[in-house]
Amino acid sequence: MKPDRWRQVRDVLHEAMQMDEAERSAFLDSQCASDPSLRVELNELLAAKGEVGSTFLEDPAIAHVVQTDTSDSSSILPAGTKLGPYIVQSLIGAGGMGEVYHARDGSLKRDVAI
């Protein structure tokens, strides 16, 4: 999606989400009268709104996939965790955007950072 299109979708979607169902339909009809594909995109996004729980992005996604070892509270992925062909060895570092781990690629027999 091009940036201009995304801004248009975002702006109309944000405004539509502030309305109740009765107002929303008429508003979308007026905003999308000359662009039926915009209405399709907005309908899909509005339908998905109900599928996203209120806890969306409160926890890292990996926390819902990997069970953690509570004895090592500094790391979400304990040593020995397998991610595809990789086996986590240790946490290298963490910051605001994520964590970096030292791992071993079991297929190629080399150390990697993930």
PDB file of N, CA and C in Angstrom:
ATOM      1  N   MET A   1       0.844  -1.166   0.000  1.00  0.00           N
ATOM      2  CA  MET A   1       0.000   0.000   0.000  1.00  0.00           C
ATOM      3  C   MET A   1       0.895   1.236   0.000  1.00  0.00           C
ATOM      4  N   LYS A   2       0.594   2.165  -0.851  1.00  0.00           N
ATOM      5  CA  LYS A   2       1.375   3.396  -0.946  1.00  0.00           C
ATOM      6  C   LYS A   2       1.093   4.292   0.261  1.00  0.00           C
ATOM      7  N   PRO A   3       2.055   5.130   0.636  1.00  0.00           N
ATOM      8  CA  PRO A   3       1.892   5.978   1.811  1.00  0.00           C
ATOM      9  C   PRO A   3       0.648   6.874   1.785  1.00  0.00           C
ATOM     10  N   ASP A   4       0.341   7.444   0.629  1.00  0.00           N
ATOM     11  CA  ASP A   4      -0.841   8.305   0.530  1.00  0.00           C
ATOM     12  C   ASP A   4      -2.120   7.507   0.784  1.00  0.00           C
ATOM     13  N   ARG A   5      -2.156   6.306   0.226  1.00  0.00           N
ATOM     14  CA  ARG A   5      -3.334   5.446   0.417  1.00  0.00           C
ATOM     15  C   ARG A   5      -3.453   5.050   1.891  1.00  0.00           C
ATOM     16  N   TRP A   6      -2.323   4.698   2.506  1.00  0.00           N
ATOM     17  CA  TRP A   6      -2.359   4.307   3.906  1.00  0.00           C
ATOM     18  C   TRP A   6      -2.874   5.454   4.786  1.00  0.00           C
ATOM     19  N   ARG A   7      -2.420   6.673   4.517  1.00  0.00           N
ATOM     20  CA  ARG A   7      -2.897   7.822   5.294  1.00  0.00           C
ATOM     21  C   ARG A   7      -4.407   7.987   5.148  1.00  0.00           C
ATOM     22  N   GLN A   8      -4.897   7.820   3.932  1.00  0.00           N
ATOM     23  CA  GLN A   8      -6.333   7.944   3.687  1.00  0.00           C
ATOM     24  C   GLN A   8      -7.098   6.868   4.459  1.00  0.00           C
ATOM     25  N   VAL A   9      -6.654   5.628   4.359  1.00  0.00           N
ATOM     26  CA  VAL A   9      -7.310   4.525   5.065  1.00  0.00           C
ATOM     27  C   VAL A   9      -7.255   4.770   6.571  1.00  0.00           C
ATOM     28  N   ARG A  10      -6.083   5.120   7.068  1.00  0.00           N
ATOM     29  CA  ARG A  10      -5.898   5.345   8.506  1.00  0.00           C
ATOM     30  C   ARG A  10      -6.819   6.450   9.029  1.00  0.00           C
ATOM     31  N   ASP A  11      -6.883   7.567   8.297  1.00  0.00           N
ATOM     32  CA  ASP A  11      -7.690   8.703   8.749  1.00  0.00           C
ATOM     33  C   ASP A  11      -9.179   8.370   8.775  1.00  0.00           C
ATOM     34  N   VAL A  12      -9.659   7.743   7.712  1.00  0.00           N
ATOM     35  CA  VAL A  12     -11.078   7.393   7.651  1.00  0.00           C
ATOM     36  C   VAL A  12     -11.389   6.316   8.690  1.00  0.00           C
ATOM     37  N   LEU A  13     -10.513   5.333   8.827  1.00  0.00           N
ATOM     38  CA  LEU A  13     -10.717   4.268   9.802  1.00  0.00           C
ATOM     39  C   LEU A  13     -10.771   4.821  11.222  1.00  0.00           C
ATOM     40  N   HIS A  14      -9.850   5.697  11.552  1.00  0.00           N
ATOM     41  CA  HIS A  14      -9.814   6.269  12.892  1.00  0.00           C
ATOM     42  C   HIS A  14     -11.119   7.006  13.203  1.00  0.00           C
ATOM     43  N   GLU A  15     -11.574   7.782  12.253  1.00  0.00           N
ATOM     44  CA  GLU A  15     -12.817   8.524  12.464  1.00  0.00           C
ATOM     45  C   GLU A  15     -14.009   7.579  12.574  1.00  0.00           C
ATOM     46  N   ALA A  16     -14.038   6.555  11.720  1.00  0.00           N
ATOM     47  CA  ALA A  16     -15.151   5.598  11.742  1.00  0.00           C
ATOM     48  C   ALA A  16     -15.198   4.821  13.058  1.00  0.00           C
ATOM     49  N   MET A  17     -14.044   4.532  13.617  1.00  0.00           N
ATOM     50  CA  MET A  17     -13.999   3.768  14.863  1.00  0.00           C
ATOM     51  C   MET A  17     -14.536   4.556  16.047  1.00  0.00           C
ATOM     52  N   GLN A  18     -14.587   5.859  15.930  1.00  0.00           N
ATOM     53  CA  GLN A  18     -15.107   6.697  17.007  1.00  0.00           C
ATOM     54  C   GLN A  18     -16.634   6.777  16.989  1.00  0.00           C
ATOM     55  N   MET A  19     -17.249   6.267  15.932  1.00  0.00           N
ATOM     56  CA  MET A  19     -18.703   6.374  15.760  1.00  0.00           C
ATOM     57  C   MET A  19     -19.405   5.092  16.196  1.00  0.00           C
ATOM     58  N   ASP A  20     -20.699   5.230  16.502  1.00  0.00           N
ATOM     59  CA  ASP A  20     -21.470   4.016  16.751  1.00  0.00           C
ATOM     60  C   ASP A  20     -21.880   3.425  15.406  1.00  0.00           C
ATOM     61  N   GLU A  21     -22.381   2.206  15.443  1.00  0.00           N
ATOM     62  CA  GLU A  21     -22.696   1.468  14.209  1.00  0.00           C
ATOM     63  C   GLU A  21     -23.662   2.230  13.292  1.00  0.00           C
ATOM     64  N   ALA A  22     -24.638   2.882  13.856  1.00  0.00           N
ATOM     65  CA  ALA A  22     -25.643   3.580  13.050  1.00  0.00           C
ATOM     66  C   ALA A  22     -25.027   4.721  12.244  1.00  0.00           C
ATOM     67  N   GLU A  23     -24.139   5.480  12.852  1.00  0.00           N
ATOM     68  CA  GLU A  23     -23.489   6.599  12.161  1.00  0.00           C
ATOM     69  C   GLU A  23     -22.424   6.111  11.184  1.00  0.00           C
ATOM     70  N   ARG A  24     -21.746   5.040  11.547  1.00  0.00           N
ATOM     71  CA  ARG A  24     -20.591   4.566  10.785  1.00  0.00           C
ATOM     72  C   ARG A  24     -20.933   4.224   9.344  1.00  0.00           C
ATOM     73  N   SER A  25     -22.022   3.520   9.124  1.00  0.00           N
ATOM     74  CA  SER A  25     -22.369   3.096   7.773  1.00  0.00           C
ATOM     75  C   SER A  25     -22.572   4.277   6.836  1.00  0.00           C
ATOM     76  N   ALA A  26     -23.324   5.279   7.284  1.00  0.00           N
ATOM     77  CA  ALA A  26     -23.556   6.474   6.458  1.00  0.00           C
ATOM     78  C   ALA A  26     -22.254   7.231   6.221  1.00  0.00           C
ATOM     79  N   PHE A  27     -21.419   7.316   7.257  1.00  0.00           N
ATOM     80  CA  PHE A  27     -20.129   7.998   7.121  1.00  0.00           C
ATOM     81  C   PHE A  27     -19.260   7.296   6.079  1.00  0.00           C
ATOM     82  N   LEU A  28     -19.181   5.971   6.160  1.00  0.00           N
ATOM     83  CA  LEU A  28     -18.363   5.224   5.196  1.00  0.00           C
ATOM     84  C   LEU A  28     -18.931   5.341   3.785  1.00  0.00           C
ATOM     85  N   ASP A  29     -20.250   5.333   3.656  1.00  0.00           N
ATOM     86  CA  ASP A  29     -20.864   5.525   2.333  1.00  0.00           C
ATOM     87  C   ASP A  29     -20.413   6.842   1.724  1.00  0.00           C
ATOM     88  N   SER A  30     -20.395   7.905   2.537  1.00  0.00           N
ATOM     89  CA  SER A  30     -20.014   9.219   2.005  1.00  0.00           C
ATOM     90  C   SER A  30     -18.518   9.284   1.695  1.00  0.00           C
ATOM     91  N   GLN A  31     -17.693   8.686   2.522  1.00  0.00           N
ATOM     92  CA  GLN A  31     -16.242   8.749   2.325  1.00  0.00           C
ATOM     93  C   GLN A  31     -15.762   7.860   1.183  1.00  0.00           C
ATOM     94  N   CYS A  32     -16.505   6.801   0.900  1.00  0.00           N
ATOM     95  CA  CYS A  32     -16.060   5.814  -0.087  1.00  0.00           C
ATOM     96  C   CYS A  32     -16.897   5.813  -1.362  1.00  0.00           C
ATOM     97  N   ALA A  33     -17.728   6.823  -1.544  1.00  0.00           N
ATOM     98  CA  ALA A  33     -18.640   6.851  -2.692  1.00  0.00           C
ATOM     99  C   ALA A  33     -17.918   6.704  -4.023  1.00  0.00           C
ATOM    100  N   SER A  34     -16.763   7.335  -4.157  1.00  0.00           N
ATOM    101  CA  SER A  34     -16.046   7.289  -5.435  1.00  0.00           C
ATOM    102  C   SER A  34     -14.938   6.233  -5.450  1.00  0.00           C
ATOM    103  N   ASP A  35     -14.809   5.467  -4.355  1.00  0.00           N
ATOM    104  CA  ASP A  35     -13.727   4.493  -4.257  1.00  0.00           C
ATOM    105  C   ASP A  35     -14.197   3.224  -3.540  1.00  0.00           C
ATOM    106  N   PRO A  36     -14.851   2.314  -4.269  1.00  0.00           N
ATOM    107  CA  PRO A  36     -15.365   1.089  -3.646  1.00  0.00           C
ATOM    108  C   PRO A  36     -14.269   0.221  -2.999  1.00  0.00           C
ATOM    109  N   SER A  37     -13.071   0.268  -3.525  1.00  0.00           N
ATOM    110  CA  SER A  37     -11.990  -0.545  -2.934  1.00  0.00           C
ATOM    111  C   SER A  37     -11.611  -0.026  -1.545  1.00  0.00           C
ATOM    112  N   LEU A  38     -11.774   1.276  -1.321  1.00  0.00           N
ATOM    113  CA  LEU A  38     -11.531   1.846   0.002  1.00  0.00           C
ATOM    114  C   LEU A  38     -12.537   1.278   1.003  1.00  0.00           C
ATOM    115  N   ARG A  39     -13.770   1.164   0.585  1.00  0.00           N
ATOM    116  CA  ARG A  39     -14.812   0.616   1.471  1.00  0.00           C
ATOM    117  C   ARG A  39     -14.498  -0.835   1.824  1.00  0.00           C
ATOM    118  N   VAL A  40     -14.026  -1.606   0.861  1.00  0.00           N
ATOM    119  CA  VAL A  40     -13.670  -3.005   1.122  1.00  0.00           C
ATOM    120  C   VAL A  40     -12.548  -3.076   2.161  1.00  0.00           C
ATOM    121  N   GLU A  41     -11.510  -2.278   1.980  1.00  0.00           N
ATOM    122  CA  GLU A  41     -10.396  -2.265   2.934  1.00  0.00           C
ATOM    123  C   GLU A  41     -10.871  -1.868   4.328  1.00  0.00           C
ATOM    124  N   LEU A  42     -11.687  -0.834   4.406  1.00  0.00           N
ATOM    125  CA  LEU A  42     -12.177  -0.363   5.704  1.00  0.00           C
ATOM    126  C   LEU A  42     -13.057  -1.406   6.377  1.00  0.00           C
ATOM    127  N   ASN A  43     -13.917  -2.066   5.602  1.00  0.00           N
ATOM    128  CA  ASN A  43     -14.769  -3.115   6.174  1.00  0.00           C
ATOM    129  C   ASN A  43     -13.929  -4.249   6.752  1.00  0.00           C
ATOM    130  N   GLU A  44     -12.854  -4.631   6.048  1.00  0.00           N
ATOM    131  CA  GLU A  44     -11.976  -5.691   6.544  1.00  0.00           C
ATOM    132  C   GLU A  44     -11.281  -5.268   7.835  1.00  0.00           C
ATOM    133  N   LEU A  45     -10.808  -4.045   7.879  1.00  0.00           N
ATOM    134  CA  LEU A  45     -10.132  -3.557   9.081  1.00  0.00           C
ATOM    135  C   LEU A  45     -11.095  -3.433  10.257  1.00  0.00           C
ATOM    136  N   LEU A  46     -12.291  -2.964   9.992  1.00  0.00           N
ATOM    137  CA  LEU A  46     -13.279  -2.844  11.063  1.00  0.00           C
ATOM    138  C   LEU A  46     -13.705  -4.221  11.573  1.00  0.00           C
ATOM    139  N   ALA A  47     -13.797  -5.194  10.684  1.00  0.00           N
ATOM    140  CA  ALA A  47     -14.142  -6.552  11.109  1.00  0.00           C
ATOM    141  C   ALA A  47     -13.025  -7.142  11.960  1.00  0.00           C
ATOM    142  N   ALA A  48     -11.780  -6.846  11.606  1.00  0.00           N
ATOM    143  CA  ALA A  48     -10.631  -7.367  12.355  1.00  0.00           C
ATOM    144  C   ALA A  48     -10.507  -6.710  13.719  1.00  0.00           C
ATOM    145  N   LYS A  49     -11.047  -5.519  13.861  1.00  0.00           N
ATOM    146  CA  LYS A  49     -10.971  -4.800  15.134  1.00  0.00           C
ATOM    147  C   LYS A  49     -11.495  -5.656  16.274  1.00  0.00           C
ATOM    148  N   GLY A  50     -12.579  -6.351  16.066  1.00  0.00           N
ATOM    149  CA  GLY A  50     -13.160  -7.190  17.105  1.00  0.00           C
ATOM    150  C   GLY A  50     -12.356  -8.445  17.387  1.00  0.00           C
ATOM    151  N   GLU A  51     -11.488  -8.855  16.466  1.00  0.00           N
ATOM    152  CA  GLU A  51     -10.687 -10.066  16.648  1.00  0.00           C
ATOM    153  C   GLU A  51      -9.445  -9.815  17.480  1.00  0.00           C
ATOM    154  N   VAL A  52      -9.023  -8.568  17.592  1.00  0.00           N
ATOM    155  CA  VAL A  52      -7.825  -8.228  18.342  1.00  0.00           C
ATOM    156  C   VAL A  52      -8.221  -7.974  19.781  1.00  0.00           C
ATOM    157  N   GLY A  53      -7.638  -8.725  20.693  1.00  0.00           N
ATOM    158  CA  GLY A  53      -7.965  -8.585  22.107  1.00  0.00           C
ATOM    159  C   GLY A  53      -7.440  -7.289  22.687  1.00  0.00           C
ATOM    160  N   SER A  54      -7.939  -6.952  23.853  1.00  0.00           N
ATOM    161  CA  SER A  54      -7.531  -5.709  24.498  1.00  0.00           C
ATOM    162  C   SER A  54      -6.099  -5.774  25.014  1.00  0.00           C
ATOM    163  N   THR A  55      -5.500  -6.966  25.048  1.00  0.00           N
ATOM    164  CA  THR A  55      -4.127  -7.105  25.529  1.00  0.00           C
ATOM    165  C   THR A  55      -3.125  -7.133  24.377  1.00  0.00           C
ATOM    166  N   PHE A  56      -3.569  -6.797  23.184  1.00  0.00           N
ATOM    167  CA  PHE A  56      -2.696  -6.813  22.014  1.00  0.00           C
ATOM    168  C   PHE A  56      -1.455  -5.971  22.256  1.00  0.00           C
ATOM    169  N   LEU A  57      -0.293  -6.551  22.052  1.00  0.00           N
ATOM    170  CA  LEU A  57       1.018  -5.933  22.184  1.00  0.00           C
ATOM    171  C   LEU A  57       1.411  -5.565  23.617  1.00  0.00           C
ATOM    172  N   GLU A  58       0.673  -6.021  24.624  1.00  0.00           N
ATOM    173  CA  GLU A  58       1.099  -5.774  25.997  1.00  0.00           C
ATOM    174  C   GLU A  58       2.283  -6.659  26.361  1.00  0.00           C
ATOM    175  N   ASP A  59       2.334  -7.866  25.816  1.00  0.00           N
ATOM    176  CA  ASP A  59       3.428  -8.798  26.056  1.00  0.00           C
ATOM    177  C   ASP A  59       4.129  -9.073  24.737  1.00  0.00           C
ATOM    178  N   PRO A  60       5.437  -9.387  24.777  1.00  0.00           N
ATOM    179  CA  PRO A  60       6.120  -9.769  23.542  1.00  0.00           C
ATOM    180  C   PRO A  60       5.461 -11.020  22.952  1.00  0.00           C
ATOM    181  N   ALA A  61       5.360 -11.089  21.644  1.00  0.00           N
ATOM    182  CA  ALA A  61       4.716 -12.232  20.993  1.00  0.00           C
ATOM    183  C   ALA A  61       5.395 -13.536  21.358  1.00  0.00           C
ATOM    184  N   ILE A  62       6.697 -13.510  21.506  1.00  0.00           N
ATOM    185  CA  ILE A  62       7.426 -14.737  21.811  1.00  0.00           C
ATOM    186  C   ILE A  62       6.999 -15.313  23.159  1.00  0.00           C
ATOM    187  N   ALA A  63       6.523 -14.475  24.060  1.00  0.00           N
ATOM    188  CA  ALA A  63       6.093 -14.949  25.378  1.00  0.00           C
ATOM    189  C   ALA A  63       4.880 -15.866  25.265  1.00  0.00           C
ATOM    190  N   HIS A  64       4.114 -15.740  24.184  1.00  0.00           N
ATOM    191  CA  HIS A  64       2.946 -16.586  23.984  1.00  0.00           C
ATOM    192  C   HIS A  64       3.292 -17.872  23.253  1.00  0.00           C
ATOM    193  N   VAL A  65       4.508 -17.981  22.755  1.00  0.00           N
ATOM    194  CA  VAL A  65       4.924 -19.144  21.994  1.00  0.00           C
ATOM    195  C   VAL A  65       5.860 -20.038  22.796  1.00  0.00           C
ATOM    196  N   VAL A  66       6.779 -19.443  23.505  1.00  0.00           N
ATOM    197  CA  VAL A  66       7.808 -20.184  24.224  1.00  0.00           C
ATOM    198  C   VAL A  66       7.519 -20.149  25.713  1.00  0.00           C
ATOM    199  N   GLN A  67       7.550 -21.303  26.346  1.00  0.00           N
ATOM    200  CA  GLN A  67       7.433 -21.333  27.797  1.00  0.00           C
ATOM    201  C   GLN A  67       8.794 -21.013  28.365  1.00  0.00           C
ATOM    202  N   THR A  68       8.821 -20.106  29.327  1.00  0.00           N
ATOM    203  CA  THR A  68      10.095 -19.645  29.851  1.00  0.00           C
ATOM    204  C   THR A  68      10.502 -20.403  31.092  1.00  0.00           C
ATOM    205  N   ASP A  69      11.794 -20.424  31.347  1.00  0.00           N
ATOM    206  CA  ASP A  69      12.364 -20.984  32.552  1.00  0.00           C
ATOM    207  C   ASP A  69      12.426 -19.854  33.562  1.00  0.00           C
ATOM    208  N   THR A  70      11.627 -19.933  34.628  1.00  0.00           N
ATOM    209  CA  THR A  70      11.539 -18.825  35.567  1.00  0.00           C
ATOM    210  C   THR A  70      12.800 -18.652  36.400  1.00  0.00           C
ATOM    211  N   SER A  71      13.738 -19.592  36.344  1.00  0.00           N
ATOM    212  CA  SER A  71      14.962 -19.437  37.122  1.00  0.00           C
ATOM    213  C   SER A  71      15.894 -18.401  36.514  1.00  0.00           C
ATOM    214  N   ASP A  72      15.711 -18.075  35.241  1.00  0.00           N
ATOM    215  CA  ASP A  72      16.533 -17.065  34.581  1.00  0.00           C
ATOM    216  C   ASP A  72      15.631 -15.921  34.157  1.00  0.00           C
ATOM    217  N   SER A  73      15.388 -14.974  35.044  1.00  0.00           N
ATOM    218  CA  SER A  73      14.434 -13.905  34.764  1.00  0.00           C
ATOM    219  C   SER A  73      14.979 -12.845  33.816  1.00  0.00           C
ATOM    220  N   SER A  74      16.285 -12.907  33.482  1.00  0.00           N
ATOM    221  CA  SER A  74      16.857 -11.902  32.596  1.00  0.00           C
ATOM    222  C   SER A  74      16.609 -12.216  31.126  1.00  0.00           C
ATOM    223  N   SER A  75      16.074 -13.391  30.827  1.00  0.00           N
ATOM    224  CA  SER A  75      15.934 -13.808  29.448  1.00  0.00           C
ATOM    225  C   SER A  75      14.572 -14.438  29.200  1.00  0.00           C
ATOM    226  N   ILE A  76      13.970 -14.111  28.079  1.00  0.00           N
ATOM    227  CA  ILE A  76      12.718 -14.748  27.703  1.00  0.00           C
ATOM    228  C   ILE A  76      12.995 -16.143  27.154  1.00  0.00           C
ATOM    229  N   LEU A  77      14.093 -16.293  26.419  1.00  0.00           N
ATOM    230  CA  LEU A  77      14.432 -17.591  25.843  1.00  0.00           C
ATOM    231  C   LEU A  77      15.562 -18.236  26.648  1.00  0.00           C
ATOM    232  N   PRO A  78      15.267 -19.273  27.395  1.00  0.00           N
ATOM    233  CA  PRO A  78      16.321 -19.917  28.172  1.00  0.00           C
ATOM    234  C   PRO A  78      17.261 -20.713  27.266  1.00  0.00           C
ATOM    235  N   ALA A  79      18.479 -20.949  27.758  1.00  0.00           N
ATOM    236  CA  ALA A  79      19.453 -21.761  27.020  1.00  0.00           C
ATOM    237  C   ALA A  79      18.822 -23.110  26.715  1.00  0.00           C
ATOM    238  N   GLY A  80      19.061 -23.584  25.490  1.00  0.00           N
ATOM    239  CA  GLY A  80      18.511 -24.869  25.068  1.00  0.00           C
ATOM    240  C   GLY A  80      17.234 -24.766  24.268  1.00  0.00           C
ATOM    241  N   THR A  81      16.621 -23.574  24.239  1.00  0.00           N
ATOM    242  CA  THR A  81      15.398 -23.389  23.456  1.00  0.00           C
ATOM    243  C   THR A  81      15.723 -23.561  21.984  1.00  0.00           C
ATOM    244  N   LYS A  82      14.891 -24.333  21.267  1.00  0.00           N
ATOM    245  CA  LYS A  82      15.093 -24.550  19.831  1.00  0.00           C
ATOM    246  C   LYS A  82      14.169 -23.645  19.041  1.00  0.00           C
ATOM    247  N   LEU A  83      14.749 -22.954  18.072  1.00  0.00           N
ATOM    248  CA  LEU A  83      14.010 -22.120  17.126  1.00  0.00           C
ATOM    249  C   LEU A  83      14.416 -22.579  15.734  1.00  0.00           C
ATOM    250  N   GLY A  84      13.620 -23.445  15.133  1.00  0.00           N
ATOM    251  CA  GLY A  84      14.007 -24.023  13.847  1.00  0.00           C
ATOM    252  C   GLY A  84      15.302 -24.797  14.031  1.00  0.00           C
ATOM    253  N   PRO A  85      16.309 -24.527  13.193  1.00  0.00           N
ATOM    254  CA  PRO A  85      17.582 -25.246  13.331  1.00  0.00           C
ATOM    255  C   PRO A  85      18.506 -24.650  14.398  1.00  0.00           C
ATOM    256  N   TYR A  86      18.066 -23.593  15.075  1.00  0.00           N
ATOM    257  CA  TYR A  86      18.913 -22.887  16.025  1.00  0.00           C
ATOM    258  C   TYR A  86      18.636 -23.328  17.462  1.00  0.00           C
ATOM    259  N   ILE A  87      19.700 -23.412  18.247  1.00  0.00           N
ATOM    260  CA  ILE A  87      19.585 -23.724  19.669  1.00  0.00           C
ATOM    261  C   ILE A  87      20.161 -22.537  20.436  1.00  0.00           C
ATOM    262  N   VAL A  88      19.314 -21.897  21.248  1.00  0.00           N
ATOM    263  CA  VAL A  88      19.725 -20.729  22.011  1.00  0.00           C
ATOM    264  C   VAL A  88      20.777 -21.122  23.029  1.00  0.00           C
ATOM    265  N   GLN A  89      21.869 -20.338  23.059  1.00  0.00           N
ATOM    266  CA  GLN A  89      22.946 -20.560  24.021  1.00  0.00           C
ATOM    267  C   GLN A  89      22.850 -19.587  25.188  1.00  0.00           C
ATOM    268  N   SER A  90      22.674 -18.280  24.851  1.00  0.00           N
ATOM    269  CA  SER A  90      22.618 -17.273  25.899  1.00  0.00           C
ATOM    270  C   SER A  90      22.090 -15.960  25.336  1.00  0.00           C
ATOM    271  N   LEU A  91      21.695 -15.081  26.243  1.00  0.00           N
ATOM    272  CA  LEU A  91      21.273 -13.740  25.878  1.00  0.00           C
ATOM    273  C   LEU A  91      22.516 -12.878  25.681  1.00  0.00           C
ATOM    274  N   ILE A  92      22.590 -12.184  24.529  1.00  0.00           N
ATOM    275  CA  ILE A  92      23.717 -11.275  24.281  1.00  0.00           C
ATOM    276  C   ILE A  92      23.383  -9.897  24.830  1.00  0.00           C
ATOM    277  N   GLY A  93      22.182  -9.422  24.553  1.00  0.00           N
ATOM    278  CA  GLY A  93      21.791  -8.101  25.025  1.00  0.00           C
ATOM    279  C   GLY A  93      20.326  -7.849  24.750  1.00  0.00           C
ATOM    280  N   ALA A  94      19.802  -6.802  25.394  1.00  0.00           N
ATOM    281  CA  ALA A  94      18.392  -6.453  25.222  1.00  0.00           C
ATOM    282  C   ALA A  94      18.259  -4.943  25.225  1.00  0.00           C
ATOM    283  N   GLY A  95      17.246  -4.476  24.528  1.00  0.00           N
ATOM    284  CA  GLY A  95      16.969  -3.052  24.471  1.00  0.00           C
ATOM    285  C   GLY A  95      15.498  -2.817  24.259  1.00  0.00           C
ATOM    286  N   GLY A  96      15.165  -1.598  23.916  1.00  0.00           N
ATOM    287  CA  GLY A  96      13.776  -1.218  23.740  1.00  0.00           C
ATOM    288  C   GLY A  96      13.065  -1.931  22.605  1.00  0.00           C
ATOM    289  N   MET A  97      13.804  -2.420  21.630  1.00  0.00           N
ATOM    290  CA  MET A  97      13.189  -3.046  20.466  1.00  0.00           C
ATOM    291  C   MET A  97      13.292  -4.566  20.465  1.00  0.00           C
ATOM    292  N   GLY A  98      13.968  -5.154  21.440  1.00  0.00           N
ATOM    293  CA  GLY A  98      14.028  -6.603  21.442  1.00  0.00           C
ATOM    294  C   GLY A  98      15.246  -7.136  22.157  1.00  0.00           C
ATOM    295  N   GLU A  99      15.500  -8.412  21.949  1.00  0.00           N
ATOM    296  CA  GLU A  99      16.617  -9.120  22.554  1.00  0.00           C
ATOM    297  C   GLU A  99      17.434  -9.806  21.470  1.00  0.00           C
ATOM    298  N   VAL A 100      18.728  -9.945  21.717  1.00  0.00           N
ATOM    299  CA  VAL A 100      19.623 -10.643  20.786  1.00  0.00           C
ATOM    300  C   VAL A 100      20.239 -11.808  21.541  1.00  0.00           C
ATOM    301  N   TYR A 101      20.189 -12.979  20.915  1.00  0.00           N
ATOM    302  CA  TYR A 101      20.688 -14.196  21.535  1.00  0.00           C
ATOM    303  C   TYR A 101      21.843 -14.798  20.745  1.00  0.00           C
ATOM    304  N   HIS A 102      22.769 -15.393  21.473  1.00  0.00           N
ATOM    305  CA  HIS A 102      23.810 -16.224  20.879  1.00  0.00           C
ATOM    306  C   HIS A 102      23.178 -17.603  20.724  1.00  0.00           C
ATOM    307  N   ALA A 103      23.227 -18.141  19.512  1.00  0.00           N
ATOM    308  CA  ALA A 103      22.638 -19.451  19.252  1.00  0.00           C
ATOM    309  C   ALA A 103      23.577 -20.259  18.375  1.00  0.00           C
ATOM    310  N   ARG A 104      23.285 -21.532  18.290  1.00  0.00           N
ATOM    311  CA  ARG A 104      24.070 -22.448  17.454  1.00  0.00           C
ATOM    312  C   ARG A 104      23.173 -22.971  16.359  1.00  0.00           C
ATOM    313  N   ASP A 105      23.634 -22.830  15.108  1.00  0.00           N
ATOM    314  CA  ASP A 105      22.908 -23.367  13.963  1.00  0.00           C
ATOM    315  C   ASP A 105      23.264 -24.841  13.868  1.00  0.00           C
ATOM    316  N   GLY A 106      22.304 -25.701  14.191  1.00  0.00           N
ATOM    317  CA  GLY A 106      22.559 -27.142  14.186  1.00  0.00           C
ATOM    318  C   GLY A 106      22.787 -27.706  12.800  1.00  0.00           C
ATOM    319  N   SER A 107      22.213 -27.093  11.784  1.00  0.00           N
ATOM    320  CA  SER A 107      22.374 -27.581  10.409  1.00  0.00           C
ATOM    321  C   SER A 107      23.753 -27.260   9.851  1.00  0.00           C
ATOM    322  N   LEU A 108      24.199 -26.022  10.038  1.00  0.00           N
ATOM    323  CA  LEU A 108      25.468 -25.581   9.459  1.00  0.00           C
ATOM    324  C   LEU A 108      26.628 -25.622  10.461  1.00  0.00           C
ATOM    325  N   LYS A 109      26.327 -25.992  11.708  1.00  0.00           N
ATOM    326  CA  LYS A 109      27.362 -26.124  12.748  1.00  0.00           C
ATOM    327  C   LYS A 109      28.167 -24.825  12.922  1.00  0.00           C
ATOM    328  N   ARG A 110      27.429 -23.721  13.112  1.00  0.00           N
ATOM    329  CA  ARG A 110      28.112 -22.443  13.339  1.00  0.00           C
ATOM    330  C   ARG A 110      27.321 -21.616  14.329  1.00  0.00           C
ATOM    331  N   ASP A 111      27.988 -20.665  14.960  1.00  0.00           N
ATOM    332  CA  ASP A 111      27.329 -19.766  15.898  1.00  0.00           C
ATOM    333  C   ASP A 111      26.663 -18.635  15.140  1.00  0.00           C
ATOM    334  N   VAL A 112      25.508 -18.220  15.637  1.00  0.00           N
ATOM    335  CA  VAL A 112      24.739 -17.142  15.008  1.00  0.00           C
ATOM    336  C   VAL A 112      24.176 -16.222  16.102  1.00  0.00           C
ATOM    337  N   ALA A 113      23.726 -15.055  15.687  1.00  0.00           N
ATOM    338  CA  ALA A 113      23.002 -14.150  16.572  1.00  0.00           C
ATOM    339  C   ALA A 113      21.574 -14.060  16.067  1.00  0.00           C
ATOM    340  N   ILE A 114      20.627 -14.224  16.962  1.00  0.00           N
ATOM    341  CA  ILE A 114      19.209 -14.096  16.585  1.00  0.00           C
ATOM    342  C   ILE A 114      18.510 -13.223  17.604  1.00  0.00           C
TER     343      ILE A 114
END
